[in-house]
Amino acid sequence: MALVDNEVYVNGVRTESPANLDETFETMRSRGGMAWIGLYRPNEAEVRAVAEEFSLHPLAVQDALTWHQRSKLERYGDTLFVVLRPARYLDAVEKVEFGELHLFVGPDFIATIRHAESPNLAQVRHRLESTPELLSMGPEAVLYAIIDEVVDEYGPVIAGLENDIDEIENQLFADEDGVSRRIYELSREVIDFQRASQPLVGMLEALLRGSEKYQVDSELQRYLRGVLDHALRIVERSASFRTILENALTVEVTLVAQRQNDEMRRMTELNLAQNEEIKKISSWAAIIFAPTLVGTVYGMNFEYMPELGWELGYPFSLVLMVGVATGLYGVFRWKRWL
């Protein structure tokens, strides 16, 4: 059974812990108290059982049966349907884990449907039971305390994201691999966190606007304003994280481009140096090849080579070798190859 908590409170004090929803409904009505029902990952039949007991609106029930809802607050007659997206930071893997919490808040009851470990509703219940004067303000007080717990749990998430961003800023100029991917992944987490936390501001403002109409206690209104201020600070911090990450990604792209340009310049300089060396090697090879060619021709010793019987043949071949080599050397020097 997904029913983890089922209590009836009268004047802020727990009076009964009924065994089933039928008894809860009867006890609540007979004593004029408030029922607080907690469900953890219920199936459709269990959700519809609660809906039937408290005559919940079909559209709200359908939303409660559909996970992955955005954070929102909707009113159906005298009943509020609230979706909260709690979050917690997992240090071991440096990731943000998001949960989902649905609440039905009526004049004399509140039903919570939790789909994750967070938030710690047992802690909320214990805190409220220790302050009966607050709990006696009714279901709106429970709603306030749950939203307050969700916002408080955003604090460690902000600290974890801030630490991750500091690490990225240190990695930017360390030329480490995978920085761009880490920036992108962290940006996605920040965006998801904004989607979870930003709607809380409008939800709390809507609750405060309807305080007079629905006769919400003035003390509870002050508590709600305190949570609103906290939520605004959370939203502002997350918005600054997104700006920082966008700037970090721009810097990373610039640094990558700069490193690529430096590498291209180095390769170009290396190619130019290699070309100069090739020119020198080719020039000296040509200079050496010319005398070798002359010597090879006159070293063939054919019987009818006319220069073989010439007295000046040997000096002429030497002069020809030196002349050709000197001429090539002059040409290569003129072309700045040597």
Protein backbone atom coordinates (compact mmCIF):
# COMPACT_ATOMS: atom_id res chain seq x y z
CA MET A 1 0.00 0.00 0.00
CA ALA A 2 1.35 3.45 -0.95
CA LEU A 3 -0.35 5.07 2.06
CA VAL A 4 2.62 6.02 4.28
CA ASP A 5 0.94 8.65 6.47
CA ASN A 6 -2.70 9.05 7.40
CA GLU A 7 -3.39 11.40 10.28
CA VAL A 8 -6.25 13.55 11.57
CA TYR A 9 -5.45 16.80 13.40
CA VAL A 10 -7.75 18.90 15.55
CA ASN A 11 -6.55 22.38 16.54
CA GLY A 12 -3.04 21.49 15.39
CA VAL A 13 -2.80 18.31 17.47
CA ARG A 14 -2.79 14.77 16.12
CA THR A 15 -5.84 12.92 17.40
CA GLU A 16 -6.18 9.86 15.21
CA SER A 17 -4.18 7.67 12.84
CA PRO A 18 -6.94 5.87 10.89
CA ALA A 19 -6.21 2.52 9.31
CA ASN A 20 -7.81 3.42 5.98
CA LEU A 21 -9.22 6.32 4.03
CA ASP A 22 -12.82 5.54 4.91
CA GLU A 23 -12.05 5.99 8.60
CA THR A 24 -10.07 9.14 7.84
CA PHE A 25 -13.01 10.74 6.10
CA GLU A 26 -15.45 9.82 8.89
CA THR A 27 -13.11 10.91 11.71
CA MET A 28 -12.24 14.19 10.01
CA ARG A 29 -15.92 15.10 9.50
CA SER A 30 -17.09 14.01 12.93
CA ARG A 31 -14.37 15.88 14.84
CA GLY A 32 -14.14 18.90 12.58
CA GLY A 33 -10.44 18.32 12.06
CA MET A 34 -7.96 18.26 9.21
CA ALA A 35 -6.73 15.16 7.43
CA TRP A 36 -3.15 14.86 6.21
CA ILE A 37 -2.69 11.92 3.86
CA GLY A 38 0.69 10.94 2.48
CA LEU A 39 1.10 8.65 -0.54
CA TYR A 40 4.41 7.38 -1.91
CA ARG A 41 4.48 6.29 -5.55
CA PRO A 42 0.84 5.15 -5.56
CA ASN A 43 -0.81 3.28 -8.39
CA GLU A 44 -3.82 4.61 -10.28
CA ALA A 45 -6.36 2.81 -8.08
CA GLU A 46 -4.91 4.34 -4.91
CA VAL A 47 -4.94 7.84 -6.38
CA ARG A 48 -8.52 7.45 -7.54
CA ALA A 49 -9.53 6.20 -4.08
CA VAL A 50 -8.30 9.46 -2.55
CA ALA A 51 -9.96 11.43 -5.35
CA GLU A 52 -13.26 9.75 -4.69
CA GLU A 53 -13.13 10.35 -0.93
CA PHE A 54 -12.48 14.08 -1.36
CA SER A 55 -14.35 14.67 -4.64
CA LEU A 56 -11.27 15.91 -6.46
CA HIS A 57 -11.63 17.43 -9.91
CA PRO A 58 -11.08 14.88 -12.72
CA LEU A 59 -8.60 17.12 -14.54
CA ALA A 60 -6.48 17.49 -11.42
CA VAL A 61 -6.63 13.75 -10.84
CA GLN A 62 -5.57 13.09 -14.42
CA ASP A 63 -2.58 15.41 -13.94
CA ALA A 64 -1.69 13.61 -10.72
CA LEU A 65 -1.64 10.32 -12.61
CA THR A 66 0.69 11.79 -15.22
CA TRP A 67 4.28 12.15 -14.07
CA HIS A 68 6.80 14.67 -15.39
CA GLN A 69 4.52 17.65 -14.80
CA ARG A 70 5.93 21.16 -14.65
CA SER A 71 5.79 23.10 -11.39
CA LYS A 72 2.38 24.75 -11.15
CA LEU A 73 -0.54 25.78 -8.97
CA GLU A 74 -4.13 25.41 -10.15
CA ARG A 75 -7.41 25.99 -8.35
CA TYR A 76 -10.46 23.80 -8.84
CA GLY A 77 -13.29 25.31 -6.80
CA ASP A 78 -12.18 25.24 -3.16
CA THR A 79 -9.33 22.78 -3.86
CA LEU A 80 -5.76 23.59 -4.91
CA PHE A 81 -3.70 21.26 -7.06
CA VAL A 82 0.02 21.92 -6.68
CA VAL A 83 2.98 20.34 -8.47
CA LEU A 84 6.42 20.86 -6.97
CA ARG A 85 9.78 19.77 -8.40
CA PRO A 86 12.12 19.14 -5.46
CA ALA A 87 15.81 18.64 -6.18
CA ARG A 88 18.88 17.38 -4.43
CA TYR A 89 22.57 17.46 -5.31
CA LEU A 90 24.38 14.12 -5.48
CA ASP A 91 28.00 14.74 -4.49
CA ALA A 92 29.23 11.30 -5.58
CA VAL A 93 28.37 11.87 -9.24
CA GLU A 94 28.14 15.69 -9.21
CA LYS A 95 24.62 15.62 -10.61
CA VAL A 96 21.27 17.18 -9.69
CA GLU A 97 18.44 14.71 -9.13
CA PHE A 98 14.91 16.03 -9.60
CA GLY A 99 11.80 14.61 -7.97
CA GLU A 100 8.11 15.33 -8.26
CA LEU A 101 5.49 16.04 -5.61
CA HIS A 102 1.75 16.50 -6.19
CA LEU A 103 -0.48 18.07 -3.55
CA PHE A 104 -4.24 18.38 -3.21
CA VAL A 105 -5.14 21.10 -0.71
CA GLY A 106 -8.78 21.43 0.37
CA PRO A 107 -10.58 23.30 3.16
CA ASP A 108 -10.05 20.46 5.65
CA PHE A 109 -7.51 18.11 4.09
CA ILE A 110 -4.18 17.88 2.31
CA ALA A 111 -3.05 14.87 0.29
CA THR A 112 0.55 14.52 -0.88
CA ILE A 113 1.65 12.20 -3.68
CA ARG A 114 5.41 11.79 -3.70
CA HIS A 115 7.35 10.20 -6.58
CA ALA A 116 10.89 10.58 -5.19
CA GLU A 117 12.86 10.52 -1.94
CA SER A 118 12.90 14.28 -1.79
CA PRO A 119 11.51 16.28 -0.06
CA ASN A 120 11.64 14.85 3.45
CA LEU A 121 7.94 15.11 4.36
CA ALA A 122 8.47 13.23 7.62
CA GLN A 123 10.68 16.11 8.71
CA VAL A 124 8.01 18.61 7.68
CA ARG A 125 5.35 16.71 9.62
CA HIS A 126 7.56 16.53 12.72
CA ARG A 127 8.31 20.26 12.56
CA LEU A 128 4.65 21.17 12.22
CA GLU A 129 3.56 18.81 14.99
CA SER A 130 6.08 20.54 17.27
CA THR A 131 4.36 23.89 16.56
CA PRO A 132 0.60 23.23 16.97
CA GLU A 133 -0.20 26.93 16.67
CA LEU A 134 1.08 26.86 13.08
CA LEU A 135 -0.51 23.52 12.24
CA SER A 136 -3.83 24.76 13.59
CA MET A 137 -3.95 27.27 10.72
CA GLY A 138 -5.08 24.42 8.50
CA PRO A 139 -4.03 22.85 5.20
CA GLU A 140 -2.54 26.15 3.96
CA ALA A 141 0.01 25.92 6.79
CA VAL A 142 1.01 22.44 5.66
CA LEU A 143 1.31 23.68 2.08
CA TYR A 144 3.53 26.54 3.27
CA ALA A 145 5.75 24.16 5.27
CA ILE A 146 6.16 21.77 2.31
CA ILE A 147 7.05 24.58 -0.11
CA ASP A 148 9.45 25.96 2.48
CA GLU A 149 11.14 22.54 2.75
CA VAL A 150 11.44 22.28 -1.03
CA VAL A 151 13.01 25.74 -1.24
CA ASP A 152 15.37 24.96 1.65
CA GLU A 153 16.51 21.81 -0.13
CA TYR A 154 17.37 23.95 -3.14
CA GLY A 155 20.16 25.50 -1.05
CA PRO A 156 22.57 22.54 -1.27
CA VAL A 157 21.78 22.28 -4.98
CA ILE A 158 22.83 25.90 -5.49
CA ALA A 159 26.03 25.23 -3.52
CA GLY A 160 26.79 22.11 -5.57
CA LEU A 161 26.22 23.87 -8.89
CA GLU A 162 28.35 26.80 -7.77
CA ASN A 163 31.19 24.44 -6.88
CA ASP A 164 30.91 22.76 -10.31
CA ILE A 165 31.05 26.15 -12.02
CA ASP A 166 34.16 27.08 -10.03
CA GLU A 167 35.80 23.85 -11.20
CA ILE A 168 34.93 24.64 -14.82
CA GLU A 169 36.40 28.13 -14.51
CA ASN A 170 39.66 26.56 -13.27
CA GLN A 171 39.65 24.03 -16.13
CA LEU A 172 39.07 26.62 -18.84
CA PHE A 173 42.69 27.79 -18.96
CA ALA A 174 44.20 24.42 -18.05
CA ASP A 175 43.69 23.08 -21.60
CA GLU A 176 41.82 20.00 -20.32
CA ASP A 177 39.78 17.71 -22.53
CA GLY A 178 36.00 17.52 -22.15
CA VAL A 179 35.46 21.04 -20.79
CA SER A 180 32.92 21.92 -23.49
CA ARG A 181 30.90 18.77 -22.78
CA ARG A 182 30.95 19.49 -19.02
CA ILE A 183 29.77 23.06 -19.62
CA TYR A 184 26.92 21.81 -21.79
CA GLU A 185 25.85 19.16 -19.28
CA LEU A 186 25.96 21.64 -16.42
CA SER A 187 23.99 24.16 -18.48
CA ARG A 188 21.26 21.55 -18.96
CA GLU A 189 21.14 20.96 -15.20
CA VAL A 190 20.88 24.69 -14.53
CA ILE A 191 18.06 25.02 -17.08
CA ASP A 192 16.20 22.08 -15.50
CA PHE A 193 16.71 23.62 -12.08
CA GLN A 194 15.33 26.94 -13.32
CA ARG A 195 12.27 25.16 -14.70
CA ALA A 196 11.74 23.57 -11.29
CA SER A 197 12.34 26.63 -9.12
CA GLN A 198 11.25 29.66 -11.17
CA PRO A 199 7.49 28.86 -11.18
CA LEU A 200 7.54 28.89 -7.37
CA VAL A 201 7.75 32.67 -7.42
CA GLY A 202 4.51 33.03 -9.35
CA MET A 203 2.86 30.31 -7.26
CA LEU A 204 3.71 32.02 -3.97
CA GLU A 205 2.62 35.40 -5.33
CA ALA A 206 -0.70 33.85 -6.37
CA LEU A 207 -1.18 32.39 -2.89
CA LEU A 208 -0.50 35.79 -1.32
CA ARG A 209 -2.90 37.54 -3.72
CA GLY A 210 -5.67 35.13 -2.73
CA SER A 211 -4.97 35.36 1.00
CA GLU A 212 -7.71 37.84 1.75
CA LYS A 213 -10.28 36.12 -0.42
CA TYR A 214 -9.66 32.73 1.14
CA GLN A 215 -9.10 34.13 4.65
CA VAL A 216 -5.53 32.98 5.10
CA ASP A 217 -4.14 33.87 8.54
CA SER A 218 -2.03 37.03 8.55
CA GLU A 219 0.81 35.24 10.35
CA LEU A 220 0.83 32.57 7.67
CA GLN A 221 0.97 35.32 5.04
CA ARG A 222 4.18 36.58 6.64
CA TYR A 223 5.63 33.07 6.48
CA LEU A 224 4.70 32.86 2.79
CA ARG A 225 6.40 36.18 2.08
CA GLY A 226 9.54 34.84 3.75
CA VAL A 227 9.51 31.78 1.50
CA LEU A 228 8.89 34.04 -1.51
CA ASP A 229 12.00 36.09 -0.67
CA HIS A 230 14.03 32.90 -0.36
CA ALA A 231 12.67 31.60 -3.67
CA LEU A 232 13.52 34.88 -5.40
CA ARG A 233 17.14 34.62 -4.22
CA ILE A 234 17.32 31.03 -5.47
CA VAL A 235 15.95 32.05 -8.88
CA GLU A 236 18.36 34.98 -9.14
CA ARG A 237 21.34 32.75 -8.30
CA SER A 238 20.33 30.13 -10.87
CA ALA A 239 19.90 32.86 -13.50
CA SER A 240 23.42 34.11 -12.76
CA PHE A 241 24.73 30.54 -13.14
CA ARG A 242 23.23 30.32 -16.60
CA THR A 243 24.88 33.60 -17.61
CA ILE A 244 28.24 32.46 -16.23
CA LEU A 245 28.03 29.17 -18.13
CA GLU A 246 27.09 30.92 -21.37
CA ASN A 247 30.14 33.18 -20.93
CA ALA A 248 32.30 30.17 -20.06
CA LEU A 249 31.20 28.39 -23.22
CA THR A 250 32.03 31.49 -25.27
CA VAL A 251 35.48 31.66 -23.64
CA GLU A 252 36.03 27.94 -24.27
CA VAL A 253 35.10 28.31 -27.94
CA THR A 254 37.47 31.28 -28.21
CA LEU A 255 40.29 29.39 -26.52
CA VAL A 256 39.76 26.34 -28.74
CA ALA A 257 39.83 28.55 -31.83
CA GLN A 258 42.95 30.27 -30.55
CA ARG A 259 44.67 26.95 -29.88
CA GLN A 260 43.71 25.77 -33.36
CA ASN A 261 45.07 28.99 -34.88
CA ASP A 262 48.30 28.60 -32.89
CA GLU A 263 48.61 25.01 -34.08
CA MET A 264 47.96 26.04 -37.69
CA ARG A 265 50.55 28.82 -37.41
CA ARG A 266 53.07 26.40 -35.92
CA MET A 267 52.38 23.90 -38.70
CA THR A 268 52.73 26.63 -41.31
CA GLU A 269 56.02 27.78 -39.83
CA LEU A 270 57.20 24.18 -39.75
CA ASN A 271 56.19 23.66 -43.38
CA LEU A 272 57.98 26.84 -44.40
CA ALA A 273 61.10 25.72 -42.56
CA GLN A 274 60.89 22.33 -44.23
CA ASN A 275 60.46 24.00 -47.63
CA GLU A 276 63.59 26.04 -47.03
CA GLU A 277 65.53 22.94 -46.11
CA ILE A 278 64.19 21.12 -49.17
CA LYS A 279 65.29 24.06 -51.35
CA LYS A 280 68.80 23.93 -49.91
CA ILE A 281 69.05 20.17 -50.28
CA SER A 282 67.71 20.32 -53.85
CA SER A 283 70.12 23.14 -54.74
CA TRP A 284 73.18 21.32 -53.46
CA ALA A 285 72.00 18.12 -55.13
CA ALA A 286 71.76 19.96 -58.47
CA ILE A 287 75.17 21.57 -57.99
CA ILE A 288 76.76 18.20 -57.21
CA PHE A 289 74.84 16.48 -60.00
CA ALA A 290 76.19 18.76 -62.77
CA PRO A 291 79.91 17.83 -62.35
CA THR A 292 78.88 14.23 -61.83
CA LEU A 293 77.03 14.29 -65.13
CA VAL A 294 80.05 15.77 -66.98
CA GLY A 295 82.39 13.29 -65.33
CA THR A 296 80.09 10.44 -66.19
CA VAL A 297 79.91 11.43 -69.86
CA TYR A 298 83.69 11.68 -70.19
CA GLY A 299 84.21 8.55 -68.17
CA MET A 300 82.44 6.30 -70.66
CA ASN A 301 85.71 5.75 -72.63
CA PHE A 302 84.19 5.13 -76.04
CA GLU A 303 86.81 4.75 -78.80
CA TYR A 304 85.40 7.47 -81.03
CA MET A 305 84.79 10.23 -78.47
CA PRO A 306 86.54 13.22 -80.12
CA GLU A 307 87.62 14.79 -76.82
CA LEU A 308 89.65 11.69 -75.81
CA GLY A 309 92.50 12.61 -78.16
CA TRP A 310 92.40 16.34 -77.36
CA GLU A 311 95.25 17.67 -75.28
CA LEU A 312 93.00 20.19 -73.54
CA GLY A 313 90.20 17.66 -72.98
CA TYR A 314 91.01 17.01 -69.33
CA PRO A 315 91.38 20.69 -68.33
CA PHE A 316 88.27 21.51 -70.37
CA SER A 317 86.18 18.91 -68.50
CA LEU A 318 87.37 20.25 -65.16
CA VAL A 319 86.62 23.82 -66.14
CA LEU A 320 83.21 22.72 -67.44
CA MET A 321 82.38 20.98 -64.15
CA VAL A 322 83.43 23.96 -62.04
CA GLY A 323 81.71 26.39 -64.38
CA VAL A 324 78.38 24.56 -64.37
CA ALA A 325 78.48 24.10 -60.57
CA THR A 326 79.40 27.76 -60.05
CA GLY A 327 76.68 28.90 -62.43
CA LEU A 328 74.03 26.82 -60.61
CA TYR A 329 75.27 28.10 -57.25
CA GLY A 330 74.88 31.67 -58.50
CA VAL A 331 71.37 31.01 -59.78
CA PHE A 332 70.24 29.42 -56.49
CA ARG A 333 71.77 32.27 -54.48
CA TRP A 334 69.94 34.76 -56.68
CA LYS A 335 66.68 32.91 -56.01
CA ARG A 336 67.50 32.88 -52.27
CA TRP A 337 67.48 29.11 -52.11
CA LEU A 338 70.97 29.16 -50.60
